[in-house]
Amino acid sequence: MKSLALKLHRFLVSEDGPTAVEYAVMLALIVIVCLTAISSIGTQANLTFERVATELGAE
């Protein structure tokens, strides 16, 4: 019984679980920021190419 209590105490004191969750949340936020940036850059590049094509009369 003492062994079970000791294991339970170690599990509750351990910070591995919360640390893994924190890293997962940070990774998710980084991915969201990257996808938003890539989408924005792609939209801006598309607008730039369309403007250049219009200026050159390629449409």
PDB file of N, CA and C in Angstrom:
ATOM      1  N   MET A   1       0.831  -1.203   0.000  1.00  0.00           N
ATOM      2  CA  MET A   1       0.000   0.000   0.000  1.00  0.00           C
ATOM      3  C   MET A   1       0.867   1.256   0.000  1.00  0.00           C
ATOM      4  N   LYS A   2       1.982   1.189   0.744  1.00  0.00           N
ATOM      5  CA  LYS A   2       2.880   2.336   0.808  1.00  0.00           C
ATOM      6  C   LYS A   2       3.500   2.598  -0.567  1.00  0.00           C
ATOM      7  N   SER A   3       3.779   1.529  -1.299  1.00  0.00           N
ATOM      8  CA  SER A   3       4.352   1.664  -2.632  1.00  0.00           C
ATOM      9  C   SER A   3       3.379   2.378  -3.567  1.00  0.00           C
ATOM     10  N   LEU A   4       2.097   2.034  -3.485  1.00  0.00           N
ATOM     11  CA  LEU A   4       1.081   2.673  -4.321  1.00  0.00           C
ATOM     12  C   LEU A   4       0.980   4.164  -3.978  1.00  0.00           C
ATOM     13  N   ALA A   5       0.999   4.484  -2.690  1.00  0.00           N
ATOM     14  CA  ALA A   5       0.926   5.881  -2.267  1.00  0.00           C
ATOM     15  C   ALA A   5       2.155   6.651  -2.752  1.00  0.00           C
ATOM     16  N   LEU A   6       3.307   6.015  -2.697  1.00  0.00           N
ATOM     17  CA  LEU A   6       4.530   6.658  -3.156  1.00  0.00           C
ATOM     18  C   LEU A   6       4.480   6.917  -4.666  1.00  0.00           C
ATOM     19  N   LYS A   7       3.990   5.943  -5.422  1.00  0.00           N
ATOM     20  CA  LYS A   7       3.868   6.120  -6.876  1.00  0.00           C
ATOM     21  C   LYS A   7       2.867   7.223  -7.211  1.00  0.00           C
ATOM     22  N   LEU A   8       1.758   7.257  -6.484  1.00  0.00           N
ATOM     23  CA  LEU A   8       0.753   8.296  -6.710  1.00  0.00           C
ATOM     24  C   LEU A   8       1.339   9.673  -6.394  1.00  0.00           C
ATOM     25  N   HIS A   9       2.091   9.767  -5.309  1.00  0.00           N
ATOM     26  CA  HIS A   9       2.724  11.041  -4.944  1.00  0.00           C
ATOM     27  C   HIS A   9       3.706  11.482  -6.028  1.00  0.00           C
ATOM     28  N   ARG A  10       4.522  10.564  -6.515  1.00  0.00           N
ATOM     29  CA  ARG A  10       5.487  10.899  -7.576  1.00  0.00           C
ATOM     30  C   ARG A  10       4.778  11.363  -8.843  1.00  0.00           C
ATOM     31  N   PHE A  11       3.659  10.707  -9.167  1.00  0.00           N
ATOM     32  CA  PHE A  11       2.894  11.078 -10.360  1.00  0.00           C
ATOM     33  C   PHE A  11       2.331  12.490 -10.226  1.00  0.00           C
ATOM     34  N   LEU A  12       1.792  12.809  -9.043  1.00  0.00           N
ATOM     35  CA  LEU A  12       1.195  14.126  -8.837  1.00  0.00           C
ATOM     36  C   LEU A  12       2.240  15.232  -8.778  1.00  0.00           C
ATOM     37  N   VAL A  13       3.421  14.914  -8.275  1.00  0.00           N
ATOM     38  CA  VAL A  13       4.487  15.913  -8.162  1.00  0.00           C
ATOM     39  C   VAL A  13       5.214  16.101  -9.495  1.00  0.00           C
ATOM     40  N   SER A  14       5.217  15.078 -10.319  1.00  0.00           N
ATOM     41  CA  SER A  14       5.927  15.119 -11.601  1.00  0.00           C
ATOM     42  C   SER A  14       5.399  16.253 -12.469  1.00  0.00           C
ATOM     43  N   GLU A  15       6.307  16.920 -13.157  1.00  0.00           N
ATOM     44  CA  GLU A  15       5.928  18.032 -14.029  1.00  0.00           C
ATOM     45  C   GLU A  15       6.063  17.673 -15.503  1.00  0.00           C
ATOM     46  N   ASP A  16       6.259  16.416 -15.822  1.00  0.00           N
ATOM     47  CA  ASP A  16       6.423  16.018 -17.223  1.00  0.00           C
ATOM     48  C   ASP A  16       5.145  16.224 -18.019  1.00  0.00           C
ATOM     49  N   GLY A  17       4.009  15.867 -17.444  1.00  0.00           N
ATOM     50  CA  GLY A  17       2.731  16.004 -18.144  1.00  0.00           C
ATOM     51  C   GLY A  17       2.401  17.438 -18.483  1.00  0.00           C
ATOM     52  N   PRO A  18       2.386  18.335 -17.485  1.00  0.00           N
ATOM     53  CA  PRO A  18       2.093  19.736 -17.789  1.00  0.00           C
ATOM     54  C   PRO A  18       3.098  20.360 -18.747  1.00  0.00           C
ATOM     55  N   THR A  19       4.362  19.971 -18.644  1.00  0.00           N
ATOM     56  CA  THR A  19       5.374  20.515 -19.546  1.00  0.00           C
ATOM     57  C   THR A  19       5.084  20.093 -20.985  1.00  0.00           C
ATOM     58  N   ALA A  20       4.699  18.845 -21.172  1.00  0.00           N
ATOM     59  CA  ALA A  20       4.378  18.365 -22.517  1.00  0.00           C
ATOM     60  C   ALA A  20       3.168  19.117 -23.071  1.00  0.00           C
ATOM     61  N   VAL A  21       2.184  19.372 -22.230  1.00  0.00           N
ATOM     62  CA  VAL A  21       1.000  20.116 -22.673  1.00  0.00           C
ATOM     63  C   VAL A  21       1.389  21.542 -23.048  1.00  0.00           C
ATOM     64  N   GLU A  22       2.252  22.158 -22.267  1.00  0.00           N
ATOM     65  CA  GLU A  22       2.688  23.515 -22.588  1.00  0.00           C
ATOM     66  C   GLU A  22       3.418  23.564 -23.923  1.00  0.00           C
ATOM     67  N   TYR A  23       4.277  22.588 -24.160  1.00  0.00           N
ATOM     68  CA  TYR A  23       4.976  22.543 -25.448  1.00  0.00           C
ATOM     69  C   TYR A  23       4.005  22.319 -26.603  1.00  0.00           C
ATOM     70  N   ALA A  24       3.005  21.497 -26.404  1.00  0.00           N
ATOM     71  CA  ALA A  24       2.014  21.247 -27.455  1.00  0.00           C
ATOM     72  C   ALA A  24       1.225  22.517 -27.766  1.00  0.00           C
ATOM     73  N   VAL A  25       0.862  23.272 -26.747  1.00  0.00           N
ATOM     74  CA  VAL A  25       0.135  24.523 -26.963  1.00  0.00           C
ATOM     75  C   VAL A  25       1.019  25.532 -27.692  1.00  0.00           C
ATOM     76  N   MET A  26       2.284  25.642 -27.277  1.00  0.00           N
ATOM     77  CA  MET A  26       3.200  26.561 -27.959  1.00  0.00           C
ATOM     78  C   MET A  26       3.384  26.161 -29.418  1.00  0.00           C
ATOM     79  N   LEU A  27       3.527  24.867 -29.684  1.00  0.00           N
ATOM     80  CA  LEU A  27       3.683  24.403 -31.057  1.00  0.00           C
ATOM     81  C   LEU A  27       2.446  24.728 -31.888  1.00  0.00           C
ATOM     82  N   ALA A  28       1.276  24.529 -31.316  1.00  0.00           N
ATOM     83  CA  ALA A  28       0.034  24.844 -32.027  1.00  0.00           C
ATOM     84  C   ALA A  28      -0.040  26.331 -32.359  1.00  0.00           C
ATOM     85  N   LEU A  29       0.337  27.183 -31.425  1.00  0.00           N
ATOM     86  CA  LEU A  29       0.321  28.622 -31.680  1.00  0.00           C
ATOM     87  C   LEU A  29       1.328  29.016 -32.755  1.00  0.00           C
ATOM     88  N   ILE A  30       2.502  28.405 -32.729  1.00  0.00           N
ATOM     89  CA  ILE A  30       3.510  28.690 -33.751  1.00  0.00           C
ATOM     90  C   ILE A  30       3.007  28.270 -35.129  1.00  0.00           C
ATOM     91  N   VAL A  31       2.370  27.114 -35.212  1.00  0.00           N
ATOM     92  CA  VAL A  31       1.833  26.640 -36.490  1.00  0.00           C
ATOM     93  C   VAL A  31       0.754  27.594 -37.005  1.00  0.00           C
ATOM     94  N   ILE A  32      -0.117  28.056 -36.105  1.00  0.00           N
ATOM     95  CA  ILE A  32      -1.177  28.988 -36.519  1.00  0.00           C
ATOM     96  C   ILE A  32      -0.576  30.291 -37.042  1.00  0.00           C
ATOM     97  N   VAL A  33       0.428  30.813 -36.352  1.00  0.00           N
ATOM     98  CA  VAL A  33       1.076  32.051 -36.792  1.00  0.00           C
ATOM     99  C   VAL A  33       1.749  31.851 -38.146  1.00  0.00           C
ATOM    100  N   CYS A  34       2.421  30.714 -38.323  1.00  0.00           N
ATOM    101  CA  CYS A  34       3.090  30.438 -39.606  1.00  0.00           C
ATOM    102  C   CYS A  34       2.081  30.327 -40.741  1.00  0.00           C
ATOM    103  N   LEU A  35       0.999  29.614 -40.523  1.00  0.00           N
ATOM    104  CA  LEU A  35      -0.014  29.467 -41.571  1.00  0.00           C
ATOM    105  C   LEU A  35      -0.647  30.810 -41.919  1.00  0.00           C
ATOM    106  N   THR A  36      -0.892  31.631 -40.924  1.00  0.00           N
ATOM    107  CA  THR A  36      -1.464  32.959 -41.184  1.00  0.00           C
ATOM    108  C   THR A  36      -0.489  33.816 -41.983  1.00  0.00           C
ATOM    109  N   ALA A  37       0.780  33.770 -41.617  1.00  0.00           N
ATOM    110  CA  ALA A  37       1.783  34.557 -42.328  1.00  0.00           C
ATOM    111  C   ALA A  37       1.927  34.080 -43.773  1.00  0.00           C
ATOM    112  N   ILE A  38       1.969  32.777 -43.965  1.00  0.00           N
ATOM    113  CA  ILE A  38       2.107  32.230 -45.318  1.00  0.00           C
ATOM    114  C   ILE A  38       0.902  32.596 -46.170  1.00  0.00           C
ATOM    115  N   SER A  39      -0.271  32.525 -45.594  1.00  0.00           N
ATOM    116  CA  SER A  39      -1.485  32.888 -46.325  1.00  0.00           C
ATOM    117  C   SER A  39      -1.462  34.359 -46.724  1.00  0.00           C
ATOM    118  N   SER A  40      -1.061  35.204 -45.793  1.00  0.00           N
ATOM    119  CA  SER A  40      -0.997  36.637 -46.072  1.00  0.00           C
ATOM    120  C   SER A  40       0.039  36.948 -47.153  1.00  0.00           C
ATOM    121  N   ILE A  41       1.200  36.331 -47.054  1.00  0.00           N
ATOM    122  CA  ILE A  41       2.255  36.556 -48.051  1.00  0.00           C
ATOM    123  C   ILE A  41       1.794  36.067 -49.422  1.00  0.00           C
ATOM    124  N   GLY A  42       1.117  34.914 -49.438  1.00  0.00           N
ATOM    125  CA  GLY A  42       0.619  34.386 -50.713  1.00  0.00           C
ATOM    126  C   GLY A  42      -0.400  35.308 -51.349  1.00  0.00           C
ATOM    127  N   THR A  43      -1.296  35.853 -50.539  1.00  0.00           N
ATOM    128  CA  THR A  43      -2.306  36.783 -51.056  1.00  0.00           C
ATOM    129  C   THR A  43      -1.646  38.040 -51.602  1.00  0.00           C
ATOM    130  N   GLN A  44      -0.698  38.578 -50.858  1.00  0.00           N
ATOM    131  CA  GLN A  44      -0.007  39.783 -51.308  1.00  0.00           C
ATOM    132  C   GLN A  44       0.793  39.523 -52.589  1.00  0.00           C
ATOM    133  N   ALA A  45       1.437  38.364 -52.682  1.00  0.00           N
ATOM    134  CA  ALA A  45       2.200  38.031 -53.892  1.00  0.00           C
ATOM    135  C   ALA A  45       1.261  37.902 -55.086  1.00  0.00           C
ATOM    136  N   ASN A  46       0.119  37.290 -54.874  1.00  0.00           N
ATOM    137  CA  ASN A  46      -0.849  37.140 -55.960  1.00  0.00           C
ATOM    138  C   ASN A  46      -1.329  38.508 -56.448  1.00  0.00           C
ATOM    139  N   LEU A  47      -1.625  39.406 -55.521  1.00  0.00           N
ATOM    140  CA  LEU A  47      -2.050  40.752 -55.909  1.00  0.00           C
ATOM    141  C   LEU A  47      -0.950  41.484 -56.671  1.00  0.00           C
ATOM    142  N   THR A  48       0.288  41.305 -56.245  1.00  0.00           N
ATOM    143  CA  THR A  48       1.413  41.943 -56.922  1.00  0.00           C
ATOM    144  C   THR A  48       1.568  41.415 -58.350  1.00  0.00           C
ATOM    145  N   PHE A  49       1.483  40.104 -58.514  1.00  0.00           N
ATOM    146  CA  PHE A  49       1.595  39.520 -59.861  1.00  0.00           C
ATOM    147  C   PHE A  49       0.452  39.971 -60.761  1.00  0.00           C
ATOM    148  N   GLU A  50      -0.752  40.060 -60.218  1.00  0.00           N
ATOM    149  CA  GLU A  50      -1.887  40.524 -61.016  1.00  0.00           C
ATOM    150  C   GLU A  50      -1.697  41.983 -61.437  1.00  0.00           C
ATOM    151  N   ARG A  51      -1.177  42.807 -60.532  1.00  0.00           N
ATOM    152  CA  ARG A  51      -0.945  44.214 -60.859  1.00  0.00           C
ATOM    153  C   ARG A  51       0.121  44.356 -61.947  1.00  0.00           C
ATOM    154  N   VAL A  52       1.184  43.579 -61.823  1.00  0.00           N
ATOM    155  CA  VAL A  52       2.255  43.612 -62.835  1.00  0.00           C
ATOM    156  C   VAL A  52       1.718  43.147 -64.181  1.00  0.00           C
ATOM    157  N   ALA A  53       0.912  42.079 -64.163  1.00  0.00           N
ATOM    158  CA  ALA A  53       0.343  41.585 -65.423  1.00  0.00           C
ATOM    159  C   ALA A  53      -0.566  42.626 -66.063  1.00  0.00           C
ATOM    160  N   THR A  54      -1.320  43.326 -65.246  1.00  0.00           N
ATOM    161  CA  THR A  54      -2.211  44.373 -65.773  1.00  0.00           C
ATOM    162  C   THR A  54      -1.385  45.512 -66.363  1.00  0.00           C
ATOM    163  N   GLU A  55      -0.314  45.910 -65.667  1.00  0.00           N
ATOM    164  CA  GLU A  55       0.542  46.978 -66.167  1.00  0.00           C
ATOM    165  C   GLU A  55       1.211  46.609 -67.485  1.00  0.00           C
ATOM    166  N   LEU A  56       1.545  45.330 -67.627  1.00  0.00           N
ATOM    167  CA  LEU A  56       2.199  44.884 -68.866  1.00  0.00           C
ATOM    168  C   LEU A  56       1.188  44.613 -69.968  1.00  0.00           C
ATOM    169  N   GLY A  57      -0.074  44.576 -69.621  1.00  0.00           N
ATOM    170  CA  GLY A  57      -1.122  44.335 -70.614  1.00  0.00           C
ATOM    171  C   GLY A  57      -1.201  42.875 -71.002  1.00  0.00           C
ATOM    172  N   ALA A  58      -0.854  41.982 -70.106  1.00  0.00           N
ATOM    173  CA  ALA A  58      -0.816  40.550 -70.410  1.00  0.00           C
ATOM    174  C   ALA A  58      -2.167  39.869 -70.208  1.00  0.00           C
ATOM    175  N   GLU A  59      -3.161  40.598 -69.760  1.00  0.00           N
ATOM    176  CA  GLU A  59      -4.440  39.943 -69.521  1.00  0.00           C
ATOM    177  C   GLU A  59      -5.228  39.752 -70.767  1.00  0.00           C
TER     178      GLU A  59
END
